[in-house]
C-alpha atoms as a PDB file:
ATOM      1  CA  UNK A   1     -77.968 263.652  46.121  1.00  0.00           C
ATOM      2  CA  UNK A   2     -81.101 261.583  47.054  1.00  0.00           C
ATOM      3  CA  UNK A   3     -80.081 261.251  50.961  1.00  0.00           C
ATOM      4  CA  UNK A   4     -79.492 265.132  50.739  1.00  0.00           C
ATOM      5  CA  UNK A   5     -82.941 265.531  49.293  1.00  0.00           C
ATOM      6  CA  UNK A   6     -84.409 263.273  51.936  1.00  0.00           C
ATOM      7  CA  UNK A   7     -82.750 265.466  54.864  1.00  0.00           C
ATOM      8  CA  UNK A   8     -83.880 268.446  53.363  1.00  0.00           C
ATOM      9  CA  UNK A   9     -87.354 267.391  53.008  1.00  0.00           C
ATOM     10  CA  UNK A  10     -87.463 266.295  56.539  1.00  0.00           C
ATOM     11  CA  UNK A  11     -86.276 269.602  58.102  1.00  0.00           C
ATOM     12  CA  UNK A  12     -89.755 271.232  57.997  1.00  0.00           C
ATOM     13  CA  UNK A  13     -91.471 268.394  60.044  1.00  0.00           C
ATOM     14  CA  UNK A  14     -88.542 268.073  62.384  1.00  0.00           C
ATOM     15  CA  UNK A  15     -88.619 271.880  63.133  1.00  0.00           C
ATOM     16  CA  UNK A  16     -92.303 271.560  63.674  1.00  0.00           C
ATOM     17  CA  UNK A  17     -91.807 268.628  66.174  1.00  0.00           C
ATOM     18  CA  UNK A  18     -88.926 270.519  67.991  1.00  0.00           C
ATOM     19  CA  UNK A  19     -90.847 273.701  68.415  1.00  0.00           C
ATOM     20  CA  UNK A  20     -93.808 272.252  69.851  1.00  0.00           C
ATOM     21  CA  UNK A  21     -92.007 271.626  73.097  1.00  0.00           C
ATOM     22  CA  UNK A  22     -91.279 275.243  73.862  1.00  0.00           C
ATOM     23  CA  UNK A  23     -94.226 276.744  72.527  1.00  0.00           C
ATOM     24  CA  UNK A  24     -96.269 274.578  74.965  1.00  0.00           C
ATOM     25  CA  UNK A  25     -94.156 275.309  77.734  1.00  0.00           C
ATOM     26  CA  UNK A  26     -94.396 279.197  77.111  1.00  0.00           C
ATOM     27  CA  UNK A  27     -98.027 279.100  76.813  1.00  0.00           C
ATOM     28  CA  UNK A  28     -98.353 277.226  80.149  1.00  0.00           C
ATOM     29  CA  UNK A  29     -95.820 279.839  81.598  1.00  0.00           C
ATOM     30  CA  UNK A  30     -97.900 282.803  80.492  1.00  0.00           C
ATOM     31  CA  UNK A  31    -100.929 281.336  81.824  1.00  0.00           C
ATOM     32  CA  UNK A  32     -99.461 280.419  85.221  1.00  0.00           C
ATOM     33  CA  UNK A  33     -97.853 283.875  85.681  1.00  0.00           C
ATOM     34  CA  UNK A  34    -101.016 285.284  84.651  1.00  0.00           C
ATOM     35  CA  UNK A  35     -99.313 287.598  82.342  1.00  0.00           C
ATOM     36  CA  UNK A  36    -102.271 287.205  79.562  1.00  0.00           C
ATOM     37  CA  UNK A  37    -105.688 285.739  79.872  1.00  0.00           C
ATOM     38  CA  UNK A  38    -106.512 282.676  78.196  1.00  0.00           C
ATOM     39  CA  UNK A  39    -108.257 284.433  75.252  1.00  0.00           C
ATOM     40  CA  UNK A  40    -105.261 286.588  74.589  1.00  0.00           C
ATOM     41  CA  UNK A  41    -102.657 283.689  75.042  1.00  0.00           C
ATOM     42  CA  UNK A  42    -104.503 281.663  72.634  1.00  0.00           C
ATOM     43  CA  UNK A  43    -104.745 284.465  70.009  1.00  0.00           C
ATOM     44  CA  UNK A  44    -100.781 285.238  70.654  1.00  0.00           C
ATOM     45  CA  UNK A  45     -99.442 281.679  69.936  1.00  0.00           C
ATOM     46  CA  UNK A  46    -102.275 281.360  67.073  1.00  0.00           C
ATOM     47  CA  UNK A  47    -100.621 284.578  65.353  1.00  0.00           C
ATOM     48  CA  UNK A  48     -97.087 283.168  65.770  1.00  0.00           C
ATOM     49  CA  UNK A  49     -98.422 279.763  64.252  1.00  0.00           C
ATOM     50  CA  UNK A  50    -100.004 281.419  61.145  1.00  0.00           C
ATOM     51  CA  UNK A  51     -98.667 284.923  60.639  1.00  0.00           C
ATOM     52  CA  UNK A  52     -95.451 283.615  61.173  1.00  0.00           C
ATOM     53  CA  UNK A  53     -95.375 280.885  58.434  1.00  0.00           C
ATOM     54  CA  UNK A  54     -97.205 283.677  56.056  1.00  0.00           C
ATOM     55  CA  UNK A  55     -94.147 285.975  56.593  1.00  0.00           C
ATOM     56  CA  UNK A  56     -91.813 282.820  55.762  1.00  0.00           C
ATOM     57  CA  UNK A  57     -93.826 282.072  52.633  1.00  0.00           C
ATOM     58  CA  UNK A  58     -93.567 285.797  51.380  1.00  0.00           C
ATOM     59  CA  UNK A  59     -89.907 285.390  51.909  1.00  0.00           C
ATOM     60  CA  UNK A  60     -89.790 281.938  50.190  1.00  0.00           C
ATOM     61  CA  UNK A  61     -91.483 283.454  47.151  1.00  0.00           C
ATOM     62  CA  UNK A  62     -88.689 286.276  46.797  1.00  0.00           C
ATOM     63  CA  UNK A  63     -85.708 284.107  47.942  1.00  0.00           C
ATOM     64  CA  UNK A  64     -83.029 284.233  45.343  1.00  0.00           C
ATOM     65  CA  UNK A  65     -80.853 281.297  46.445  1.00  0.00           C
ATOM     66  CA  UNK A  66     -81.195 277.761  47.492  1.00  0.00           C
ATOM     67  CA  UNK A  67     -80.026 278.217  51.168  1.00  0.00           C
ATOM     68  CA  UNK A  68     -82.643 281.304  51.570  1.00  0.00           C
ATOM     69  CA  UNK A  69     -85.486 279.189  50.278  1.00  0.00           C
ATOM     70  CA  UNK A  70     -84.837 275.897  52.287  1.00  0.00           C
ATOM     71  CA  UNK A  71     -84.519 278.419  55.468  1.00  0.00           C
ATOM     72  CA  UNK A  72     -87.824 280.132  54.685  1.00  0.00           C
ATOM     73  CA  UNK A  73     -89.601 276.545  53.851  1.00  0.00           C
ATOM     74  CA  UNK A  74     -88.566 275.102  57.282  1.00  0.00           C
ATOM     75  CA  UNK A  75     -89.551 278.185  59.281  1.00  0.00           C
ATOM     76  CA  UNK A  76     -92.990 278.160  57.173  1.00  0.00           C
ATOM     77  CA  UNK A  77     -93.749 274.532  58.614  1.00  0.00           C
ATOM     78  CA  UNK A  78     -91.934 274.768  61.898  1.00  0.00           C
ATOM     79  CA  UNK A  79     -93.744 278.082  63.173  1.00  0.00           C
ATOM     80  CA  UNK A  80     -97.058 275.984  62.715  1.00  0.00           C
ATOM     81  CA  UNK A  81     -96.248 274.750  66.220  1.00  0.00           C
ATOM     82  CA  UNK A  82     -97.936 277.859  67.748  1.00  0.00           C
ATOM     83  CA  UNK A  83    -101.367 276.814  66.810  1.00  0.00           C
ATOM     84  CA  UNK A  84    -100.979 273.971  69.104  1.00  0.00           C
ATOM     85  CA  UNK A  85    -101.405 276.096  72.045  1.00  0.00           C
ATOM     86  CA  UNK A  86    -103.541 278.404  69.875  1.00  0.00           C
ATOM     87  CA  UNK A  87    -106.917 277.576  68.370  1.00  0.00           C
ATOM     88  CA  UNK A  88    -106.420 273.894  68.876  1.00  0.00           C
ATOM     89  CA  UNK A  89    -106.883 274.195  72.650  1.00  0.00           C
ATOM     90  CA  UNK A  90    -109.750 276.464  72.244  1.00  0.00           C
ATOM     91  CA  UNK A  91    -112.153 273.354  71.783  1.00  0.00           C
ATOM     92  CA  UNK A  92    -111.305 272.465  75.531  1.00  0.00           C
ATOM     93  CA  UNK A  93    -111.318 275.936  76.672  1.00  0.00           C
ATOM     94  CA  UNK A  94    -114.961 276.709  75.323  1.00  0.00           C
ATOM     95  CA  UNK A  95    -116.637 273.283  75.613  1.00  0.00           C
ATOM     96  CA  UNK A  96    -114.399 270.504  77.401  1.00  0.00           C
ATOM     97  CA  UNK A  97    -117.372 268.015  77.786  1.00  0.00           C
ATOM     98  CA  UNK A  98    -117.648 267.968  73.744  1.00  0.00           C
ATOM     99  CA  UNK A  99    -114.296 268.933  72.735  1.00  0.00           C
ATOM    100  CA  UNK A 100    -113.792 265.577  70.974  1.00  0.00           C
ATOM    101  CA  UNK A 101    -116.776 266.067  68.663  1.00  0.00           C
ATOM    102  CA  UNK A 102    -115.906 269.774  68.368  1.00  0.00           C
ATOM    103  CA  UNK A 103    -112.351 268.814  67.368  1.00  0.00           C
ATOM    104  CA  UNK A 104    -113.611 266.209  64.814  1.00  0.00           C
ATOM    105  CA  UNK A 105    -115.904 268.711  63.023  1.00  0.00           C
ATOM    106  CA  UNK A 106    -113.336 271.464  62.929  1.00  0.00           C
ATOM    107  CA  UNK A 107    -110.665 269.303  61.849  1.00  0.00           C
ATOM    108  CA  UNK A 108    -112.711 267.590  59.164  1.00  0.00           C
ATOM    109  CA  UNK A 109    -113.856 270.831  57.615  1.00  0.00           C
ATOM    110  CA  UNK A 110    -109.998 271.969  57.605  1.00  0.00           C
ATOM    111  CA  UNK A 111    -108.839 268.505  56.129  1.00  0.00           C
ATOM    112  CA  UNK A 112    -111.716 268.598  53.380  1.00  0.00           C
ATOM    113  CA  UNK A 113    -110.600 272.044  52.283  1.00  0.00           C
ATOM    114  CA  UNK A 114    -107.052 270.961  52.321  1.00  0.00           C
ATOM    115  CA  UNK A 115    -108.121 268.884  49.232  1.00  0.00           C
ATOM    116  CA  UNK A 116    -108.482 272.014  47.132  1.00  0.00           C
ATOM    117  CA  UNK A 117    -104.763 273.014  47.769  1.00  0.00           C
ATOM    118  CA  UNK A 118    -103.294 270.704  45.114  1.00  0.00           C
ATOM    119  CA  UNK A 119    -106.186 271.575  42.604  1.00  0.00           C
ATOM    120  CA  UNK A 120    -105.586 275.210  43.139  1.00  0.00           C
ATOM    121  CA  UNK A 121    -101.901 274.722  42.762  1.00  0.00           C
ATOM    122  CA  UNK A 122    -102.193 272.512  39.314  1.00  0.00           C
ATOM    123  CA  UNK A 123    -104.496 275.135  38.067  1.00  0.00           C
ATOM    124  CA  UNK A 124    -101.778 278.100  38.662  1.00  0.00           C
ATOM    125  CA  UNK A 125     -98.884 275.899  37.604  1.00  0.00           C
ATOM    126  CA  UNK A 126     -97.953 275.659  33.808  1.00  0.00           C
ATOM    127  CA  UNK A 127     -94.429 275.302  34.152  1.00  0.00           C
ATOM    128  CA  UNK A 128     -93.215 273.842  37.312  1.00  0.00           C
ATOM    129  CA  UNK A 129     -89.679 275.269  36.742  1.00  0.00           C
ATOM    130  CA  UNK A 130     -91.234 278.727  36.752  1.00  0.00           C
ATOM    131  CA  UNK A 131     -90.465 280.673  39.845  1.00  0.00           C
ATOM    132  CA  UNK A 132     -92.884 283.351  39.050  1.00  0.00           C
ATOM    133  CA  UNK A 133     -95.788 280.955  39.022  1.00  0.00           C
ATOM    134  CA  UNK A 134     -94.510 279.462  42.361  1.00  0.00           C
ATOM    135  CA  UNK A 135     -94.465 282.860  43.742  1.00  0.00           C
ATOM    136  CA  UNK A 136     -98.272 283.056  43.085  1.00  0.00           C
ATOM    137  CA  UNK A 137     -98.802 279.799  45.023  1.00  0.00           C
ATOM    138  CA  UNK A 138     -96.818 280.882  48.013  1.00  0.00           C
ATOM    139  CA  UNK A 139     -98.545 284.286  48.230  1.00  0.00           C
ATOM    140  CA  UNK A 140    -101.846 282.872  47.888  1.00  0.00           C
ATOM    141  CA  UNK A 141    -100.965 280.398  50.702  1.00  0.00           C
ATOM    142  CA  UNK A 142     -99.741 283.347  52.684  1.00  0.00           C
ATOM    143  CA  UNK A 143    -102.948 285.349  52.159  1.00  0.00           C
ATOM    144  CA  UNK A 144    -105.216 282.170  53.540  1.00  0.00           C
ATOM    145  CA  UNK A 145    -102.859 282.365  56.617  1.00  0.00           C
ATOM    146  CA  UNK A 146    -103.214 286.201  57.084  1.00  0.00           C
ATOM    147  CA  UNK A 147    -107.268 285.926  56.586  1.00  0.00           C
ATOM    148  CA  UNK A 148    -107.987 283.095  58.677  1.00  0.00           C
ATOM    149  CA  UNK A 149    -105.930 284.249  61.630  1.00  0.00           C
ATOM    150  CA  UNK A 150    -107.360 287.693  61.271  1.00  0.00           C
ATOM    151  CA  UNK A 151    -110.785 286.041  61.594  1.00  0.00           C
ATOM    152  CA  UNK A 152    -109.770 284.283  64.871  1.00  0.00           C
ATOM    153  CA  UNK A 153    -108.244 287.456  66.363  1.00  0.00           C
ATOM    154  CA  UNK A 154    -111.789 289.227  65.499  1.00  0.00           C
ATOM    155  CA  UNK A 155    -114.099 286.504  66.643  1.00  0.00           C
ATOM    156  CA  UNK A 156    -112.350 283.662  68.419  1.00  0.00           C
ATOM    157  CA  UNK A 157    -112.813 283.297  72.278  1.00  0.00           C
ATOM    158  CA  UNK A 158    -111.807 280.872  75.074  1.00  0.00           C
ATOM    159  CA  UNK A 159    -114.934 281.814  77.276  1.00  0.00           C
ATOM    160  CA  UNK A 160    -116.641 278.856  78.442  1.00  0.00           C
ATOM    161  CA  UNK A 161    -119.908 278.394  76.741  1.00  0.00           C
ATOM    162  CA  UNK A 162    -123.130 277.842  78.148  1.00  0.00           C
ATOM    163  CA  UNK A 163    -124.211 275.029  75.977  1.00  0.00           C
ATOM    164  CA  UNK A 164    -121.293 273.172  77.504  1.00  0.00           C
ATOM    165  CA  UNK A 165    -123.046 272.716  80.857  1.00  0.00           C
ATOM    166  CA  UNK A 166    -125.786 270.308  81.449  1.00  0.00           C
ATOM    167  CA  UNK A 167    -129.144 271.344  82.502  1.00  0.00           C
ATOM    168  CA  UNK A 168    -129.182 271.654  86.136  1.00  0.00           C
ATOM    169  CA  UNK A 169    -131.106 268.642  87.796  1.00  0.00           C
ATOM    170  CA  UNK A 170    -132.537 268.165  91.171  1.00  0.00           C
ATOM    171  CA  UNK A 171    -132.852 265.272  93.286  1.00  0.00           C
ATOM    172  CA  UNK A 172    -135.749 266.889  95.480  1.00  0.00           C
ATOM    173  CA  UNK A 173    -139.025 265.305  95.398  1.00  0.00           C
ATOM    174  CA  UNK A 174    -142.106 267.617  94.695  1.00  0.00           C
ATOM    175  CA  UNK A 175    -143.741 268.702  97.997  1.00  0.00           C
ATOM    176  CA  UNK A 176    -147.196 267.619  99.133  1.00  0.00           C
ATOM    177  CA  UNK A 177    -149.718 270.245  99.847  1.00  0.00           C
ATOM    178  CA  UNK A 178    -150.114 268.794 103.604  1.00  0.00           C
ATOM    179  CA  UNK A 179    -146.378 268.904 104.450  1.00  0.00           C
ATOM    180  CA  UNK A 180    -145.328 272.036 102.558  1.00  0.00           C
ATOM    181  CA  UNK A 181    -144.053 273.678 105.690  1.00  0.00           C
ATOM    182  CA  UNK A 182    -141.609 271.087 106.111  1.00  0.00           C
ATOM    183  CA  UNK A 183    -140.232 271.039 102.748  1.00  0.00           C
ATOM    184  CA  UNK A 184    -136.490 272.480 102.028  1.00  0.00           C
ATOM    185  CA  UNK A 185    -135.650 274.624  99.098  1.00  0.00           C
ATOM    186  CA  UNK A 186    -134.151 272.184  96.154  1.00  0.00           C
ATOM    187  CA  UNK A 187    -130.627 272.603  95.385  1.00  0.00           C
ATOM    188  CA  UNK A 188    -129.149 271.727  91.578  1.00  0.00           C
ATOM    189  CA  UNK A 189    -127.264 268.749  91.672  1.00  0.00           C
ATOM    190  CA  UNK A 190    -123.293 269.417  92.441  1.00  0.00           C
ATOM    191  CA  UNK A 191    -121.423 269.737  89.442  1.00  0.00           C
ATOM    192  CA  UNK A 192    -118.478 267.059  89.834  1.00  0.00           C
ATOM    193  CA  UNK A 193    -116.019 269.236  87.825  1.00  0.00           C
ATOM    194  CA  UNK A 194    -116.140 272.073  90.694  1.00  0.00           C
ATOM    195  CA  UNK A 195    -114.285 272.105  93.720  1.00  0.00           C
ATOM    196  CA  UNK A 196    -115.760 273.108  97.177  1.00  0.00           C
ATOM    197  CA  UNK A 197    -114.517 276.436  96.278  1.00  0.00           C
ATOM    198  CA  UNK A 198    -116.843 276.580  93.531  1.00  0.00           C
ATOM    199  CA  UNK A 199    -113.994 276.845  91.034  1.00  0.00           C
ATOM    200  CA  UNK A 200    -113.040 274.536  88.222  1.00  0.00           C
ATOM    201  CA  UNK A 201    -109.642 272.796  89.017  1.00  0.00           C
ATOM    202  CA  UNK A 202    -108.285 274.103  85.849  1.00  0.00           C
ATOM    203  CA  UNK A 203    -109.554 277.612  85.980  1.00  0.00           C
ATOM    204  CA  UNK A 204    -106.596 279.864  86.163  1.00  0.00           C
END
């Protein structure tokens, strides 16, 4: 029984690991074929990664047998793989120069808020064997998924932000009045991230 419990407990994480590969491939395929814009692709996969688990948690809260409950629980975690090519890549899309600090801030806030999850669960549960109380926990989790992804759909973007670009600098020296006629117009320093065509290498 202990071995079986261990296997069942590992299935959600195993499903998440396995689904992370096809979701990444499909995301690249969608962008390579230009079926969707980068922003639309991020929102699509993020919706799969958040609203998919929300539906699985709703199914879990109303499941009537162990098999259905395990299947819903596995999908509620495994479908989270969609957030990898979803909002997690938006940091690189918006500001690749500061993607690391951005990820640190957003991930730190999300993990800080995650501390509330067991506290809220403990406040809701008086009897851990009562399925009706667990239903409240699962439905509340599904509601968080629905609201947060809805916010991302409304306000999220993968457009490059102006504050990512360093201020244009010039290597030209100021012209002297006596030699003003010989001065050439100053040009901004070349952006090392741009090719000779003016496009960034990773721009689709």
